Each structure stands twice: as C-alpha cells, then as structure tokens.
PDB file of all heavy atoms in Angstrom:
ATOM      1  N   VAL A   1       3.377  -2.042   4.602  1.00  0.00           N
ATOM      2  CA  VAL A   1       3.175  -1.499   3.270  1.00  0.00           C
ATOM      3  C   VAL A   1       4.503  -1.300   2.592  1.00  0.00           C
ATOM      4  O   VAL A   1       4.652  -1.582   1.382  1.00  0.00           O
ATOM      5  CB  VAL A   1       2.384  -0.146   3.342  1.00  0.00           C
ATOM      6  CG1 VAL A   1       2.345   0.535   1.964  1.00  0.00           C
ATOM      7  CG2 VAL A   1       0.978  -0.362   3.867  1.00  0.00           C
ATOM      8  N   TYR A   2       5.498  -0.850   3.330  1.00  0.00           N
ATOM      9  CA  TYR A   2       6.796  -0.548   2.741  1.00  0.00           C
ATOM     10  C   TYR A   2       7.561  -1.815   2.334  1.00  0.00           C
ATOM     11  O   TYR A   2       8.465  -1.752   1.532  1.00  0.00           O
ATOM     12  CB  TYR A   2       7.619   0.260   3.714  1.00  0.00           C
ATOM     13  CG  TYR A   2       6.995   1.586   4.071  1.00  0.00           C
ATOM     14  CD1 TYR A   2       6.040   1.703   5.068  1.00  0.00           C
ATOM     15  CD2 TYR A   2       7.284   2.742   3.331  1.00  0.00           C
ATOM     16  CE1 TYR A   2       5.428   2.890   5.391  1.00  0.00           C
ATOM     17  CE2 TYR A   2       6.643   3.954   3.601  1.00  0.00           C
ATOM     18  CZ  TYR A   2       5.717   4.018   4.643  1.00  0.00           C
ATOM     19  OH  TYR A   2       5.114   5.229   4.925  1.00  0.00           O
ATOM     20  N   LYS A   3       7.125  -2.949   2.838  1.00  0.00           N
ATOM     21  CA  LYS A   3       7.720  -4.239   2.504  1.00  0.00           C
ATOM     22  C   LYS A   3       7.104  -4.818   1.229  1.00  0.00           C
ATOM     23  O   LYS A   3       7.669  -5.659   0.556  1.00  0.00           O
ATOM     24  CB  LYS A   3       7.587  -5.224   3.625  1.00  0.00           C
ATOM     25  CG  LYS A   3       8.244  -4.749   4.904  1.00  0.00           C
ATOM     26  CD  LYS A   3       7.879  -5.686   6.060  1.00  0.00           C
ATOM     27  CE  LYS A   3       8.432  -5.082   7.381  1.00  0.00           C
ATOM     28  NZ  LYS A   3       8.029  -5.935   8.567  1.00  0.00           N
ATOM     29  N   LEU A   4       5.906  -4.305   0.901  1.00  0.00           N
ATOM     30  CA  LEU A   4       5.148  -4.858  -0.238  1.00  0.00           C
ATOM     31  C   LEU A   4       5.141  -3.939  -1.448  1.00  0.00           C
ATOM     32  O   LEU A   4       4.986  -4.421  -2.559  1.00  0.00           O
ATOM     33  CB  LEU A   4       3.692  -5.109   0.177  1.00  0.00           C
ATOM     34  CG  LEU A   4       3.465  -6.100   1.340  1.00  0.00           C
ATOM     35  CD1 LEU A   4       2.017  -6.086   1.795  1.00  0.00           C
ATOM     36  CD2 LEU A   4       3.835  -7.540   0.894  1.00  0.00           C
ATOM     37  N   ALA A   5       5.318  -2.649  -1.234  1.00  0.00           N
ATOM     38  CA  ALA A   5       5.194  -1.637  -2.295  1.00  0.00           C
ATOM     39  C   ALA A   5       6.516  -1.032  -2.674  1.00  0.00           C
ATOM     40  O   ALA A   5       7.375  -0.813  -1.789  1.00  0.00           O
ATOM     41  CB  ALA A   5       4.175  -0.542  -1.874  1.00  0.00           C
ATOM     42  N   GLU A   6       6.679  -0.727  -3.946  1.00  0.00           N
ATOM     43  CA  GLU A   6       7.896  -0.101  -4.427  1.00  0.00           C
ATOM     44  C   GLU A   6       8.108   1.280  -3.802  1.00  0.00           C
ATOM     45  O   GLU A   6       9.180   1.657  -3.439  1.00  0.00           O
ATOM     46  CB  GLU A   6       7.850   0.046  -5.937  1.00  0.00           C
ATOM     47  CG  GLU A   6       8.174  -1.222  -6.719  1.00  0.00           C
ATOM     48  CD  GLU A   6       9.668  -1.599  -6.630  1.00  0.00           C
ATOM     49  OE1 GLU A   6      10.465  -0.743  -6.215  1.00  0.00           O
ATOM     50  OE2 GLU A   6       9.992  -2.720  -6.978  1.00  0.00           O
ATOM     51  N   TYR A   7       7.063   2.070  -3.730  1.00  0.00           N
ATOM     52  CA  TYR A   7       7.109   3.336  -3.089  1.00  0.00           C
ATOM     53  C   TYR A   7       5.715   3.734  -2.546  1.00  0.00           C
ATOM     54  O   TYR A   7       4.710   3.219  -3.028  1.00  0.00           O
ATOM     55  CB  TYR A   7       7.675   4.455  -4.031  1.00  0.00           C
ATOM     56  CG  TYR A   7       6.736   4.752  -5.212  1.00  0.00           C
ATOM     57  CD1 TYR A   7       5.762   5.754  -5.135  1.00  0.00           C
ATOM     58  CD2 TYR A   7       6.852   4.059  -6.400  1.00  0.00           C
ATOM     59  CE1 TYR A   7       4.953   6.041  -6.213  1.00  0.00           C
ATOM     60  CE2 TYR A   7       6.022   4.317  -7.511  1.00  0.00           C
ATOM     61  CZ  TYR A   7       5.104   5.288  -7.376  1.00  0.00           C
ATOM     62  OH  TYR A   7       4.265   5.585  -8.432  1.00  0.00           O
ATOM     63  N   VAL A   8       5.723   4.573  -1.549  1.00  0.00           N
ATOM     64  CA  VAL A   8       4.483   4.973  -0.899  1.00  0.00           C
ATOM     65  C   VAL A   8       4.349   6.487  -0.977  1.00  0.00           C
ATOM     66  O   VAL A   8       5.050   7.217  -0.249  1.00  0.00           O
ATOM     67  CB  VAL A   8       4.466   4.483   0.564  1.00  0.00           C
ATOM     68  CG1 VAL A   8       3.107   4.847   1.223  1.00  0.00           C
ATOM     69  CG2 VAL A   8       4.735   3.010   0.684  1.00  0.00           C
ATOM     70  N   PRO A   9       3.510   6.997  -1.870  1.00  0.00           N
ATOM     71  CA  PRO A   9       3.381   8.464  -2.011  1.00  0.00           C
ATOM     72  C   PRO A   9       2.770   9.108  -0.785  1.00  0.00           C
ATOM     73  O   PRO A   9       2.120   8.412   0.064  1.00  0.00           O
ATOM     74  CB  PRO A   9       2.483   8.612  -3.228  1.00  0.00           C
ATOM     75  CG  PRO A   9       1.732   7.316  -3.346  1.00  0.00           C
ATOM     76  CD  PRO A   9       2.644   6.266  -2.803  1.00  0.00           C
ATOM     77  N   ASP A  10       2.918  10.387  -0.652  1.00  0.00           N
ATOM     78  CA  ASP A  10       2.386  11.105   0.513  1.00  0.00           C
ATOM     79  C   ASP A  10       0.871  10.939   0.637  1.00  0.00           C
ATOM     80  O   ASP A  10       0.309  10.886   1.748  1.00  0.00           O
ATOM     81  CB  ASP A  10       2.719  12.609   0.378  1.00  0.00           C
ATOM     82  CG  ASP A  10       4.177  12.901   0.624  1.00  0.00           C
ATOM     83  OD1 ASP A  10       4.891  12.023   1.161  1.00  0.00           O
ATOM     84  OD2 ASP A  10       4.658  13.976   0.192  1.00  0.00           O
ATOM     85  N   ALA A  11       0.154  10.863  -0.491  1.00  0.00           N
ATOM     86  CA  ALA A  11      -1.290  10.675  -0.427  1.00  0.00           C
ATOM     87  C   ALA A  11      -1.636   9.376   0.216  1.00  0.00           C
ATOM     88  O   ALA A  11      -2.611   9.263   1.019  1.00  0.00           O
ATOM     89  CB  ALA A  11      -1.872  10.723  -1.839  1.00  0.00           C
ATOM     90  N   ALA A  12      -0.872   8.334  -0.055  1.00  0.00           N
ATOM     91  CA  ALA A  12      -1.142   7.005   0.559  1.00  0.00           C
ATOM     92  C   ALA A  12      -0.866   7.106   2.037  1.00  0.00           C
ATOM     93  O   ALA A  12      -1.654   6.509   2.884  1.00  0.00           O
ATOM     94  CB  ALA A  12      -0.224   5.939  -0.069  1.00  0.00           C
ATOM     95  N   LYS A  13       0.216   7.759   2.431  1.00  0.00           N
ATOM     96  CA  LYS A  13       0.517   7.902   3.893  1.00  0.00           C
ATOM     97  C   LYS A  13      -0.639   8.643   4.606  1.00  0.00           C
ATOM     98  O   LYS A  13      -0.999   8.261   5.713  1.00  0.00           O
ATOM     99  CB  LYS A  13       1.824   8.661   4.040  1.00  0.00           C
ATOM    100  CG  LYS A  13       3.045   7.945   3.464  1.00  0.00           C
ATOM    101  CD  LYS A  13       4.293   8.822   3.550  1.00  0.00           C
ATOM    102  CE  LYS A  13       5.475   8.186   2.850  1.00  0.00           C
ATOM    103  NZ  LYS A  13       6.678   9.069   2.838  1.00  0.00           N
ATOM    104  N   ALA A  14      -1.155   9.682   3.963  1.00  0.00           N
ATOM    105  CA  ALA A  14      -2.229  10.477   4.580  1.00  0.00           C
ATOM    106  C   ALA A  14      -3.480   9.608   4.746  1.00  0.00           C
ATOM    107  O   ALA A  14      -4.149   9.673   5.771  1.00  0.00           O
ATOM    108  CB  ALA A  14      -2.510  11.703   3.742  1.00  0.00           C
ATOM    109  N   LEU A  15      -3.789   8.812   3.713  1.00  0.00           N
ATOM    110  CA  LEU A  15      -5.010   7.975   3.787  1.00  0.00           C
ATOM    111  C   LEU A  15      -4.828   6.845   4.789  1.00  0.00           C
ATOM    112  O   LEU A  15      -5.782   6.512   5.531  1.00  0.00           O
ATOM    113  CB  LEU A  15      -5.318   7.395   2.399  1.00  0.00           C
ATOM    114  CG  LEU A  15      -5.756   8.396   1.344  1.00  0.00           C
ATOM    115  CD1 LEU A  15      -5.931   7.707   0.016  1.00  0.00           C
ATOM    116  CD2 LEU A  15      -7.064   9.063   1.731  1.00  0.00           C
ATOM    117  N   MET A  16      -3.632   6.301   4.879  1.00  0.00           N
ATOM    118  CA  MET A  16      -3.369   5.255   5.890  1.00  0.00           C
ATOM    119  C   MET A  16      -3.559   5.789   7.278  1.00  0.00           C
ATOM    120  O   MET A  16      -4.178   5.143   8.156  1.00  0.00           O
ATOM    121  CB  MET A  16      -1.956   4.743   5.658  1.00  0.00           C
ATOM    122  CG  MET A  16      -1.789   3.843   4.451  1.00  0.00           C
ATOM    123  SD  MET A  16      -0.052   3.802   3.824  1.00  0.00           S
ATOM    124  CE  MET A  16       0.860   3.321   5.260  1.00  0.00           C
ATOM    125  N   GLU A  17      -3.039   7.005   7.487  1.00  0.00           N
ATOM    126  CA  GLU A  17      -3.177   7.628   8.823  1.00  0.00           C
ATOM    127  C   GLU A  17      -4.624   7.930   9.184  1.00  0.00           C
ATOM    128  O   GLU A  17      -5.051   7.801  10.319  1.00  0.00           O
ATOM    129  CB  GLU A  17      -2.335   8.877   8.862  1.00  0.00           C
ATOM    130  CG  GLU A  17      -2.333   9.566  10.249  1.00  0.00           C
ATOM    131  CD  GLU A  17      -1.421  10.784  10.333  1.00  0.00           C
ATOM    132  OE1 GLU A  17      -0.676  11.034   9.344  1.00  0.00           O
ATOM    133  OE2 GLU A  17      -1.488  11.507  11.342  1.00  0.00           O
ATOM    134  N   ALA A  18      -5.389   8.351   8.171  1.00  0.00           N
ATOM    135  CA  ALA A  18      -6.781   8.745   8.412  1.00  0.00           C
ATOM    136  C   ALA A  18      -7.745   7.612   8.549  1.00  0.00           C
ATOM    137  O   ALA A  18      -8.643   7.642   9.362  1.00  0.00           O
ATOM    138  CB  ALA A  18      -7.262   9.702   7.281  1.00  0.00           C
ATOM    139  N   PHE A  19      -7.518   6.506   7.795  1.00  0.00           N
ATOM    140  CA  PHE A  19      -8.563   5.491   7.685  1.00  0.00           C
ATOM    141  C   PHE A  19      -8.124   4.069   8.108  1.00  0.00           C
ATOM    142  O   PHE A  19      -8.940   3.134   8.068  1.00  0.00           O
ATOM    143  CB  PHE A  19      -9.098   5.471   6.273  1.00  0.00           C
ATOM    144  CG  PHE A  19      -9.708   6.759   5.850  1.00  0.00           C
ATOM    145  CD1 PHE A  19      -9.130   7.506   4.811  1.00  0.00           C
ATOM    146  CD2 PHE A  19     -10.852   7.258   6.472  1.00  0.00           C
ATOM    147  CE1 PHE A  19      -9.692   8.697   4.408  1.00  0.00           C
ATOM    148  CE2 PHE A  19     -11.430   8.442   6.093  1.00  0.00           C
ATOM    149  CZ  PHE A  19     -10.848   9.177   5.051  1.00  0.00           C
ATOM    150  N   TRP A  20      -6.889   3.871   8.438  1.00  0.00           N
ATOM    151  CA  TRP A  20      -6.434   2.547   8.863  1.00  0.00           C
ATOM    152  C   TRP A  20      -6.265   2.487  10.369  1.00  0.00           C
ATOM    153  O   TRP A  20      -5.810   3.467  10.939  1.00  0.00           O
ATOM    154  CB  TRP A  20      -5.125   2.206   8.201  1.00  0.00           C
ATOM    155  CG  TRP A  20      -5.259   1.690   6.771  1.00  0.00           C
ATOM    156  CD1 TRP A  20      -6.388   1.620   6.014  1.00  0.00           C
ATOM    157  CD2 TRP A  20      -4.224   1.164   5.967  1.00  0.00           C
ATOM    158  NE1 TRP A  20      -6.126   1.119   4.779  1.00  0.00           N
ATOM    159  CE2 TRP A  20      -4.786   0.809   4.729  1.00  0.00           C
ATOM    160  CE3 TRP A  20      -2.861   0.921   6.148  1.00  0.00           C
ATOM    161  CZ2 TRP A  20      -4.017   0.261   3.680  1.00  0.00           C
ATOM    162  CZ3 TRP A  20      -2.095   0.411   5.110  1.00  0.00           C
ATOM    163  CH2 TRP A  20      -2.691   0.068   3.894  1.00  0.00           C
ATOM    164  N   PRO A  21      -6.565   1.343  10.973  1.00  0.00           N
ATOM    165  CA  PRO A  21      -7.244   0.182  10.355  1.00  0.00           C
ATOM    166  C   PRO A  21      -8.673   0.532  10.011  1.00  0.00           C
ATOM    167  O   PRO A  21      -9.351   1.278  10.739  1.00  0.00           O
ATOM    168  CB  PRO A  21      -7.135  -0.879  11.429  1.00  0.00           C
ATOM    169  CG  PRO A  21      -7.055  -0.120  12.712  1.00  0.00           C
ATOM    170  CD  PRO A  21      -6.305   1.127  12.430  1.00  0.00           C
ATOM    171  N   GLY A  22      -9.156  -0.030   8.901  1.00  0.00           N
ATOM    172  CA  GLY A  22     -10.516   0.259   8.466  1.00  0.00           C
ATOM    173  C   GLY A  22     -10.773  -0.185   7.066  1.00  0.00           C
ATOM    174  O   GLY A  22      -9.925  -0.781   6.371  1.00  0.00           O
ATOM    175  N   PRO A  23     -11.978   0.160   6.563  1.00  0.00           N
ATOM    176  CA  PRO A  23     -12.424  -0.385   5.268  1.00  0.00           C
ATOM    177  C   PRO A  23     -11.919   0.374   4.036  1.00  0.00           C
ATOM    178  O   PRO A  23     -12.722   0.813   3.164  1.00  0.00           O
ATOM    179  CB  PRO A  23     -13.963  -0.264   5.404  1.00  0.00           C
ATOM    180  CG  PRO A  23     -14.149   0.928   6.230  1.00  0.00           C
ATOM    181  CD  PRO A  23     -13.022   0.937   7.245  1.00  0.00           C
ATOM    182  N   LEU A  24     -10.630   0.559   3.940  1.00  0.00           N
ATOM    183  CA  LEU A  24     -10.006   1.224   2.771  1.00  0.00           C
ATOM    184  C   LEU A  24      -8.852   0.392   2.275  1.00  0.00           C
ATOM    185  O   LEU A  24      -7.985  -0.038   3.014  1.00  0.00           O
ATOM    186  CB  LEU A  24      -9.474   2.604   3.156  1.00  0.00           C
ATOM    187  CG  LEU A  24      -8.737   3.357   2.028  1.00  0.00           C
ATOM    188  CD1 LEU A  24      -9.720   3.789   0.952  1.00  0.00           C
ATOM    189  CD2 LEU A  24      -7.969   4.553   2.580  1.00  0.00           C
ATOM    190  N   THR A  25      -8.893   0.115   0.953  1.00  0.00           N
ATOM    191  CA  THR A  25      -7.804  -0.582   0.267  1.00  0.00           C
ATOM    192  C   THR A  25      -7.097   0.418  -0.622  1.00  0.00           C
ATOM    193  O   THR A  25      -7.718   1.165  -1.369  1.00  0.00           O
ATOM    194  CB  THR A  25      -8.380  -1.722  -0.574  1.00  0.00           C
ATOM    195  OG1 THR A  25      -8.976  -2.701   0.284  1.00  0.00           O
ATOM    196  CG2 THR A  25      -7.283  -2.408  -1.397  1.00  0.00           C
ATOM    197  N   ILE A  26      -5.756   0.397  -0.562  1.00  0.00           N
ATOM    198  CA  ILE A  26      -4.986   1.251  -1.464  1.00  0.00           C
ATOM    199  C   ILE A  26      -4.167   0.374  -2.439  1.00  0.00           C
ATOM    200  O   ILE A  26      -3.730  -0.725  -2.082  1.00  0.00           O
ATOM    201  CB  ILE A  26      -4.016   2.196  -0.667  1.00  0.00           C
ATOM    202  CG1 ILE A  26      -3.018   1.392   0.174  1.00  0.00           C
ATOM    203  CG2 ILE A  26      -4.843   3.137   0.229  1.00  0.00           C
ATOM    204  CD1 ILE A  26      -1.951   2.235   0.857  1.00  0.00           C
ATOM    205  N   ILE A  27      -3.991   0.907  -3.617  1.00  0.00           N
ATOM    206  CA  ILE A  27      -3.256   0.183  -4.656  1.00  0.00           C
ATOM    207  C   ILE A  27      -1.957   0.934  -4.975  1.00  0.00           C
ATOM    208  O   ILE A  27      -2.009   2.131  -5.224  1.00  0.00           O
ATOM    209  CB  ILE A  27      -4.100   0.004  -5.919  1.00  0.00           C
ATOM    210  CG1 ILE A  27      -5.235  -0.964  -5.642  1.00  0.00           C
ATOM    211  CG2 ILE A  27      -3.227  -0.510  -7.079  1.00  0.00           C
ATOM    212  CD1 ILE A  27      -6.118  -1.267  -6.854  1.00  0.00           C
ATOM    213  N   LEU A  28      -0.823   0.212  -4.899  1.00  0.00           N
ATOM    214  CA  LEU A  28       0.490   0.756  -5.138  1.00  0.00           C
ATOM    215  C   LEU A  28       1.298  -0.128  -6.071  1.00  0.00           C
ATOM    216  O   LEU A  28       0.908  -1.301  -6.275  1.00  0.00           O
ATOM    217  CB  LEU A  28       1.215   0.927  -3.821  1.00  0.00           C
ATOM    218  CG  LEU A  28       0.581   1.785  -2.730  1.00  0.00           C
ATOM    219  CD1 LEU A  28       1.254   1.637  -1.420  1.00  0.00           C
ATOM    220  CD2 LEU A  28       0.561   3.277  -3.150  1.00  0.00           C
ATOM    221  N   LYS A  29       2.357   0.411  -6.607  1.00  0.00           N
ATOM    222  CA  LYS A  29       3.283  -0.473  -7.396  1.00  0.00           C
ATOM    223  C   LYS A  29       3.883  -1.510  -6.480  1.00  0.00           C
ATOM    224  O   LYS A  29       4.316  -1.192  -5.350  1.00  0.00           O
ATOM    225  CB  LYS A  29       4.410   0.406  -7.981  1.00  0.00           C
ATOM    226  CG  LYS A  29       3.970   1.445  -8.973  1.00  0.00           C
ATOM    227  CD  LYS A  29       3.579   0.839 -10.312  1.00  0.00           C
ATOM    228  CE  LYS A  29       3.290   1.934 -11.341  1.00  0.00           C
ATOM    229  NZ  LYS A  29       2.861   1.349 -12.647  1.00  0.00           N
ATOM    230  N   LYS A  30       3.895  -2.755  -6.927  1.00  0.00           N
ATOM    231  CA  LYS A  30       4.355  -3.844  -6.040  1.00  0.00           C
ATOM    232  C   LYS A  30       5.815  -4.149  -6.123  1.00  0.00           C
ATOM    233  O   LYS A  30       6.449  -3.869  -7.172  1.00  0.00           O
ATOM    234  CB  LYS A  30       3.554  -5.132  -6.342  1.00  0.00           C
ATOM    235  CG  LYS A  30       4.008  -5.930  -7.567  1.00  0.00           C
ATOM    236  CD  LYS A  30       3.176  -7.174  -7.742  1.00  0.00           C
ATOM    237  CE  LYS A  30       3.666  -8.038  -8.920  1.00  0.00           C
ATOM    238  NZ  LYS A  30       4.930  -8.760  -8.611  1.00  0.00           N
ATOM    239  N   LYS A  31       6.374  -4.695  -5.063  1.00  0.00           N
ATOM    240  CA  LYS A  31       7.695  -5.258  -5.084  1.00  0.00           C
ATOM    241  C   LYS A  31       7.653  -6.680  -5.629  1.00  0.00           C
ATOM    242  O   LYS A  31       6.570  -7.307  -5.620  1.00  0.00           O
ATOM    243  CB  LYS A  31       8.302  -5.232  -3.694  1.00  0.00           C
ATOM    244  CG  LYS A  31       8.712  -3.834  -3.221  1.00  0.00           C
ATOM    245  CD  LYS A  31       9.428  -3.933  -1.886  1.00  0.00           C
ATOM    246  CE  LYS A  31       9.995  -2.562  -1.478  1.00  0.00           C
ATOM    247  NZ  LYS A  31      10.651  -2.564  -0.166  1.00  0.00           N
ATOM    248  N   ALA A  32       8.796  -7.195  -6.022  1.00  0.00           N
ATOM    249  CA  ALA A  32       8.853  -8.554  -6.608  1.00  0.00           C
ATOM    250  C   ALA A  32       8.459  -9.610  -5.607  1.00  0.00           C
ATOM    251  O   ALA A  32       8.078 -10.726  -6.009  1.00  0.00           O
ATOM    252  CB  ALA A  32      10.277  -8.814  -7.135  1.00  0.00           C
ATOM    253  N   ILE A  33       8.516  -9.273  -4.297  1.00  0.00           N
ATOM    254  CA  ILE A  33       8.162 -10.271  -3.281  1.00  0.00           C
ATOM    255  C   ILE A  33       6.694 -10.714  -3.401  1.00  0.00           C
ATOM    256  O   ILE A  33       6.363 -11.835  -2.988  1.00  0.00           O
ATOM    257  CB  ILE A  33       8.431  -9.687  -1.867  1.00  0.00           C
ATOM    258  CG1 ILE A  33       8.325 -10.769  -0.824  1.00  0.00           C
ATOM    259  CG2 ILE A  33       7.491  -8.522  -1.584  1.00  0.00           C
ATOM    260  CD1 ILE A  33       8.660 -10.285   0.578  1.00  0.00           C
ATOM    261  N   VAL A  34       5.856  -9.908  -3.967  1.00  0.00           N
ATOM    262  CA  VAL A  34       4.437 -10.217  -4.137  1.00  0.00           C
ATOM    263  C   VAL A  34       4.269 -10.965  -5.477  1.00  0.00           C
ATOM    264  O   VAL A  34       4.482 -10.383  -6.555  1.00  0.00           O
ATOM    265  CB  VAL A  34       3.527  -8.977  -4.132  1.00  0.00           C
ATOM    266  CG1 VAL A  34       2.055  -9.350  -4.169  1.00  0.00           C
ATOM    267  CG2 VAL A  34       3.812  -8.139  -2.889  1.00  0.00           C
ATOM    268  N   PRO A  35       3.826 -12.211  -5.471  1.00  0.00           N
ATOM    269  CA  PRO A  35       3.765 -12.987  -6.712  1.00  0.00           C
ATOM    270  C   PRO A  35       2.614 -12.480  -7.646  1.00  0.00           C
ATOM    271  O   PRO A  35       1.593 -11.949  -7.146  1.00  0.00           O
ATOM    272  CB  PRO A  35       3.469 -14.378  -6.262  1.00  0.00           C
ATOM    273  CG  PRO A  35       2.856 -14.278  -4.879  1.00  0.00           C
ATOM    274  CD  PRO A  35       3.515 -13.049  -4.282  1.00  0.00           C
ATOM    275  N   ASP A  36       2.826 -12.655  -8.934  1.00  0.00           N
ATOM    276  CA  ASP A  36       1.812 -12.289  -9.898  1.00  0.00           C
ATOM    277  C   ASP A  36       0.484 -13.022  -9.646  1.00  0.00           C
ATOM    278  O   ASP A  36      -0.571 -12.493  -9.999  1.00  0.00           O
ATOM    279  CB  ASP A  36       2.308 -12.578 -11.318  1.00  0.00           C
ATOM    280  CG  ASP A  36       3.421 -11.613 -11.742  1.00  0.00           C
ATOM    281  OD1 ASP A  36       3.552 -10.567 -11.087  1.00  0.00           O
ATOM    282  OD2 ASP A  36       4.113 -11.882 -12.749  1.00  0.00           O
ATOM    283  N   GLU A  37       0.584 -14.192  -9.125  1.00  0.00           N
ATOM    284  CA  GLU A  37      -0.641 -14.981  -8.857  1.00  0.00           C
ATOM    285  C   GLU A  37      -1.556 -14.268  -7.863  1.00  0.00           C
ATOM    286  O   GLU A  37      -2.787 -14.472  -7.887  1.00  0.00           O
ATOM    287  CB  GLU A  37      -0.253 -16.395  -8.325  1.00  0.00           C
ATOM    288  CG  GLU A  37       0.277 -17.321  -9.363  1.00  0.00           C
ATOM    289  CD  GLU A  37       1.736 -17.096  -9.693  1.00  0.00           C
ATOM    290  OE1 GLU A  37       2.368 -16.183  -9.061  1.00  0.00           O
ATOM    291  OE2 GLU A  37       2.298 -17.811 -10.539  1.00  0.00           O
ATOM    292  N   THR A  38      -0.977 -13.476  -6.994  1.00  0.00           N
ATOM    293  CA  THR A  38      -1.783 -12.710  -5.989  1.00  0.00           C
ATOM    294  C   THR A  38      -2.371 -11.494  -6.627  1.00  0.00           C
ATOM    295  O   THR A  38      -3.471 -11.044  -6.235  1.00  0.00           O
ATOM    296  CB  THR A  38      -0.899 -12.354  -4.769  1.00  0.00           C
ATOM    297  OG1 THR A  38      -0.448 -13.548  -4.166  1.00  0.00           O
ATOM    298  CG2 THR A  38      -1.666 -11.540  -3.760  1.00  0.00           C
TER     299      THR A  38
END
C-alpha cells in the first residue's frame, strides 16, 4: 500500500489490520507510479 499511495491515514491502517486479507477495498491518493489508465 505504501508503494502505491501518497499517504496512508490511521483509519486505513486500522481497516487493513481488521479486514485484510479479505473483501474490503480502500481508496487512497495515488502515487505517480500508478498510471491514469488504471
């Protein structure tokens, strides 16, 4: 996540810990490494 997102708020960390791996998708500000086409 830290390689793909600009920053990871505490809420995201808490949800990742609680529900990953599993059926939860989180949306964060992206880094330039992720193309707009994606």
